[in-house]
Protein backbone atom coordinates (compact mmCIF):
# COMPACT_ATOMS: atom_id res chain seq x y z
CA MET A 1 -5.64 -0.45 -12.15
CA VAL A 2 -5.66 3.04 -13.62
CA GLY A 3 -3.20 4.62 -11.31
CA ALA A 4 -0.79 1.69 -11.76
CA PRO A 5 2.72 3.12 -13.24
CA ARG A 6 3.93 1.68 -16.61
CA ASN A 7 7.46 2.73 -16.15
CA PRO A 8 9.45 -0.31 -14.99
CA VAL A 9 11.76 1.83 -12.92
CA GLU A 10 8.90 3.50 -11.20
CA ARG A 11 7.30 -0.12 -10.45
CA ALA A 12 10.51 -1.34 -8.95
CA LEU A 13 11.07 1.85 -6.71
CA GLN A 14 7.35 1.52 -5.63
CA VAL A 15 8.13 -2.10 -4.66
CA ILE A 16 11.13 -1.21 -2.82
CA ASN A 17 9.50 1.47 -0.88
CA LEU A 18 6.68 -0.68 0.07
CA MET A 19 8.57 -3.74 1.35
CA GLY A 20 11.61 -1.44 2.73
CA GLY A 21 9.18 0.97 4.58
CA SER A 22 7.01 -1.74 6.23
CA GLY A 23 9.24 -1.80 9.42
CA ASP A 24 9.86 -5.56 9.19
CA PRO A 25 13.08 -6.32 6.69
CA ASP A 26 12.23 -10.29 7.39
CA ARG A 27 8.64 -10.08 6.09
CA ILE A 28 7.67 -12.25 3.28
CA TRP A 29 5.57 -10.58 0.63
CA GLY A 30 3.49 -12.56 -2.11
CA VAL A 31 3.03 -11.52 -5.54
CA ARG A 32 -0.83 -10.74 -5.18
CA GLU A 33 -0.31 -9.06 -1.99
CA LEU A 34 2.13 -6.73 -3.50
CA ALA A 35 0.05 -6.26 -6.64
CA SER A 36 -3.04 -5.24 -4.30
CA ALA A 37 -0.99 -2.98 -2.26
CA LEU A 38 0.45 -0.99 -5.13
CA ASP A 39 -2.71 -1.45 -7.47
CA MET A 40 -0.57 -3.27 -10.02
CA PRO A 41 -1.49 -6.11 -12.17
CA PRO A 42 -0.20 -9.30 -10.78
CA SER A 43 1.61 -10.03 -14.10
CA ALA A 44 3.63 -6.59 -13.64
CA ALA A 45 4.11 -7.22 -10.13
CA HIS A 46 5.90 -10.50 -10.86
CA ARG A 47 8.18 -9.29 -13.53
CA THR A 48 9.18 -6.25 -11.54
CA LEU A 49 10.05 -8.79 -8.51
CA ALA A 50 11.83 -11.01 -10.91
CA SER A 51 14.13 -8.05 -11.90
CA LEU A 52 14.69 -6.96 -8.44
CA VAL A 53 15.85 -10.70 -7.58
CA GLU A 54 17.90 -10.54 -10.49
CA ALA A 55 19.44 -7.18 -9.31
CA ARG A 56 19.79 -8.86 -6.01
CA TRP A 57 17.89 -6.00 -4.29
CA LEU A 58 15.26 -8.75 -3.36
CA LYS A 59 15.47 -12.47 -2.73
CA ARG A 60 12.95 -15.44 -2.83
CA ASP A 61 12.09 -16.92 0.56
CA GLU A 62 13.41 -20.34 1.26
CA THR A 63 9.95 -21.83 0.41
CA GLY A 64 9.79 -19.93 -2.75
CA ARG A 65 6.17 -18.63 -2.19
CA GLY A 66 7.30 -14.89 -1.69
CA TYR A 67 10.00 -12.44 -1.55
CA CYS A 68 11.97 -10.38 0.98
CA LEU A 69 14.68 -7.61 1.02
CA GLY A 70 18.14 -8.86 -0.29
CA MET A 71 21.22 -8.32 1.57
CA ASP A 72 22.41 -5.91 -1.16
CA LEU A 73 19.63 -3.46 -0.49
CA ILE A 74 20.02 -3.73 3.36
CA ARG A 75 23.71 -2.96 3.06
CA LEU A 76 23.10 -0.09 0.95
CA SER A 77 20.50 1.26 3.41
CA PHE A 78 23.11 0.91 6.28
CA LEU A 79 25.54 2.87 4.04
CA ILE A 80 23.26 5.71 3.14
CA SER A 81 21.68 6.08 6.70
CA GLY A 82 25.30 6.00 8.35
CA SER A 83 26.68 8.40 6.02
CA HIS A 84 23.82 11.11 5.91
CA PRO A 85 25.54 14.61 6.38
CA LEU A 86 23.15 16.00 9.17
CA ARG A 87 23.25 12.47 11.01
CA ARG A 88 26.97 12.60 10.94
CA ILE A 89 27.37 16.28 11.96
CA ALA A 90 24.69 15.65 14.65
CA LYS A 91 26.07 12.78 16.43
CA PRO A 92 29.14 14.28 18.29
CA VAL A 93 26.89 17.13 19.39
CA MET A 94 23.97 14.88 20.71
CA GLU A 95 26.83 13.00 22.65
CA ASP A 96 27.80 16.22 24.15
CA LEU A 97 24.25 17.22 24.89
CA VAL A 98 23.62 13.66 26.51
CA ALA A 99 26.66 14.10 28.44
CA GLU A 100 25.48 17.32 29.82
CA CYS A 101 21.91 16.42 30.64
CA ASP A 102 22.14 12.73 31.12
CA GLU A 103 18.85 12.31 29.08
CA THR A 104 17.99 10.62 25.81
CA VAL A 105 18.42 13.00 22.80
CA LEU A 106 16.78 12.55 19.43
CA LEU A 107 17.51 13.81 15.92
CA GLY A 108 14.24 14.56 14.03
CA ILE A 109 14.60 15.19 10.32
CA LEU A 110 11.71 16.84 8.28
CA ASN A 111 10.43 15.53 4.94
CA PRO A 112 9.47 18.68 3.21
CA GLU A 113 7.65 16.68 0.30
CA ASN A 114 4.92 15.51 2.87
CA GLN A 115 5.71 17.72 5.99
CA ARG A 116 6.27 14.62 7.87
CA MET A 117 9.20 13.75 10.03
CA MET A 118 11.54 10.79 11.48
CA PHE A 119 13.70 10.13 14.24
CA ALA A 120 16.78 9.58 12.33
CA LEU A 121 19.46 9.10 15.32
CA SER A 122 19.11 8.49 19.11
CA VAL A 123 21.88 8.90 21.67
CA GLU A 124 20.60 7.13 25.10
CA SER A 125 21.13 8.30 28.38
CA ARG A 126 22.68 6.03 31.08
CA ASN A 127 19.59 6.25 33.23
CA PRO A 128 17.87 2.65 33.60
CA LEU A 129 14.41 4.17 33.05
CA ARG A 130 14.41 5.96 29.54
CA TYR A 131 12.44 5.85 26.38
CA VAL A 132 13.34 4.19 23.44
CA VAL A 133 11.56 5.45 20.12
CA GLU A 134 11.50 3.75 16.75
CA LEU A 135 13.67 5.28 14.05
CA ASN A 136 13.51 5.93 10.44
CA ARG A 137 9.52 5.80 10.33
CA TRP A 138 7.81 8.99 9.07
CA ILE A 139 5.42 10.32 11.38
CA PRO A 140 3.40 13.59 11.92
CA ILE A 141 4.75 16.96 12.80
CA HIS A 142 1.46 18.51 14.24
CA TYR A 143 1.85 17.21 17.79
CA SER A 144 4.56 16.63 20.64
CA ALA A 145 7.75 18.67 21.32
CA SER A 146 9.68 16.82 18.66
CA GLY A 147 6.97 17.64 15.80
CA LEU A 148 5.97 21.03 16.69
CA GLY A 149 9.75 21.71 17.51
CA ILE A 150 9.94 21.50 13.43
CA MET A 151 6.48 22.68 12.38
CA ALA A 152 6.54 25.95 14.16
CA PHE A 153 9.42 27.19 12.14
CA LEU A 154 7.86 26.29 8.69
CA PRO A 155 6.58 29.07 6.82
CA GLU A 156 2.86 29.85 7.66
CA SER A 157 1.40 28.64 4.34
CA GLN A 158 3.03 25.11 5.04
CA ARG A 159 1.87 25.03 8.50
CA GLU A 160 -1.81 25.89 7.43
CA ALA A 161 -1.56 23.26 4.76
CA VAL A 162 -0.82 20.40 7.56
CA LEU A 163 -3.60 21.99 9.88
CA SER A 164 -6.18 22.03 6.88
CA GLN A 165 -6.23 18.41 6.81
CA THR A 166 -9.51 16.98 7.59
CA ASP A 167 -8.35 14.28 10.05
CA LEU A 168 -5.37 15.13 12.15
CA GLU A 169 -4.20 11.83 13.45
CA GLY A 170 -2.92 11.42 17.14
CA ALA A 171 -0.54 9.11 18.89
CA HIS A 172 -3.32 8.13 21.49
CA ALA A 173 -6.61 9.81 23.07
CA GLY A 174 -4.63 12.37 24.91
CA THR A 175 -2.93 14.00 21.62
CA ILE A 176 -3.78 17.52 20.83
CA THR A 177 -5.33 17.65 17.37
CA SER A 178 -7.44 20.89 17.56
CA PRO A 179 -6.08 23.20 14.92
CA ASP A 180 -6.66 26.28 17.13
CA ALA A 181 -4.79 24.63 20.04
CA ILE A 182 -1.88 23.66 17.81
CA ARG A 183 -1.73 27.40 16.37
CA ALA A 184 -1.70 28.71 19.93
CA GLU A 185 1.13 26.26 20.80
CA ILE A 186 3.04 27.21 17.68
CA ARG A 187 3.00 30.99 18.87
CA ARG A 188 4.51 30.26 22.07
CA ILE A 189 7.22 28.03 20.56
CA ARG A 190 8.12 30.80 17.92
CA GLN A 191 8.23 33.21 20.95
CA GLN A 192 10.49 31.12 23.36
CA GLY A 193 12.69 29.29 20.64
CA TYR A 194 11.80 25.77 21.92
CA ALA A 195 8.85 23.33 22.20
CA ILE A 196 7.79 21.42 25.27
CA SER A 197 5.09 18.67 25.57
CA PHE A 198 3.71 16.23 28.10
CA GLY A 199 2.91 12.64 26.92
CA GLN A 200 1.61 13.80 23.49
CA ARG A 201 3.49 11.09 21.52
CA LEU A 202 4.64 8.72 24.56
CA LYS A 203 2.24 8.66 27.61
CA ASP A 204 4.06 10.13 30.79
CA ALA A 205 7.06 11.34 28.61
CA VAL A 206 8.38 14.73 28.51
CA GLY A 207 9.89 16.25 25.27
CA ILE A 208 11.88 19.46 24.83
CA ALA A 209 12.97 20.15 21.38
CA ALA A 210 14.77 23.10 19.49
CA PRO A 211 14.99 23.54 15.82
CA ILE A 212 17.85 22.84 13.30
CA PHE A 213 18.36 25.36 10.40
CA GLY A 214 19.95 24.37 7.04
CA PRO A 215 22.32 26.37 5.11
CA GLY A 216 19.54 28.47 3.42
CA GLY A 217 17.76 29.39 6.63
CA ASP A 218 15.21 27.04 6.48
CA VAL A 219 14.08 24.41 9.26
CA ILE A 220 15.29 20.84 8.46
CA GLY A 221 14.89 19.19 11.59
CA ASN A 222 15.52 19.36 15.46
CA LEU A 223 17.04 18.01 18.37
CA CYS A 224 14.79 16.63 21.40
CA ILE A 225 15.41 15.63 24.84
CA THR A 226 12.91 13.07 25.96
CA LEU A 227 12.73 11.95 29.75
CA PRO A 228 10.14 10.35 32.07
CA LYS A 229 7.64 12.71 33.57
CA GLN A 230 8.42 11.30 36.91
CA ARG A 231 12.12 12.51 36.55
CA PHE A 232 11.22 15.99 35.32
CA GLY A 233 11.54 18.78 37.97
CA GLY A 234 9.16 21.34 36.66
CA GLU A 235 10.03 25.03 35.73
CA ARG A 236 13.62 24.65 36.85
CA ASP A 237 14.18 21.86 34.63
CA GLU A 238 12.47 23.18 31.97
CA THR A 239 14.58 26.40 31.99
CA ARG A 240 17.77 24.19 32.21
CA LEU A 241 17.07 21.79 29.47
CA SER A 242 15.53 24.11 27.04
CA SER A 243 18.54 26.50 27.25
CA THR A 244 20.75 23.42 26.68
CA VAL A 245 19.02 21.84 23.60
CA ILE A 246 18.60 25.28 21.95
CA ARG A 247 22.45 25.90 22.34
CA HIS A 248 23.22 22.44 20.88
CA ALA A 249 20.90 22.48 18.13
CA ALA A 250 22.44 26.04 17.21
CA ARG A 251 25.61 24.47 17.08
CA ILE A 252 24.59 21.96 14.43
CA SER A 253 22.79 24.98 12.30
CA GLN A 254 26.10 26.69 12.58
CA ILE A 255 28.26 23.93 11.04
CA LEU A 256 25.55 23.34 8.29
CA ALA A 257 25.81 27.23 7.71
CA GLN A 258 29.70 27.16 7.43
CA GLY A 259 29.68 24.38 4.91
CA PRO A 260 31.47 21.02 4.64
CA GLY A 261 34.80 22.48 4.94
CA ASP A 262 34.11 23.38 8.31
CA SER A 263 32.21 20.38 9.81
CA HIS A 264 34.96 19.43 11.93
CA GLU A 265 33.74 21.49 14.77
CA HIS A 266 32.96 19.57 18.02
């Protein structure tokens, strides 16, 4: 238990992060289960849970044997995610992009602390056959158009830090995880200004992504068009869709560069 935090605020944040990040807001957690997952003494876990229940961030389940997320915490998460500035700025641009290409568009956001990304927003096409992705979950950036479309524009030192990991995870057996192959793909992406992948994250899916840059010029995310491989028309579609996604991603970057006073562009 050496690594267990002594600060009660840090303990509370660890509990919220574990329970909120599980992907199942209705999951019931026991005291010992939480204590084991967080390397925390059960007595400390129990005190932390009791404090969070009192603050209404958590609640006891109906049987009294476990804990789950409270409605105040769920409400706060909706308020925060709905008002995220990049999400708010990107949504009308994404809607324009979907209207132009009639394919699903995803907003990827980079976590610079651990060099992972998540899909923060999806605007779906009207096509009956389309891909639906899980939002708000941190995933690797070293494969697929959505990840490499961000990673390629990171500083070289940060890219190499990702590639130096001893075991690069993949979405499935067909995912490219060779550092040399990824470096070659990154060189292509930087030259052409967009990433394209075929079945790297989702089998039989095509992704085409372009970077979004923040006010300081650093990459902070991207826009990604995703569509079934069977609907992809080869080089002609690649040219058409890549130029479109680059143009709309640049719109978002321009709005961010202008500052909040000019973010009404649409």
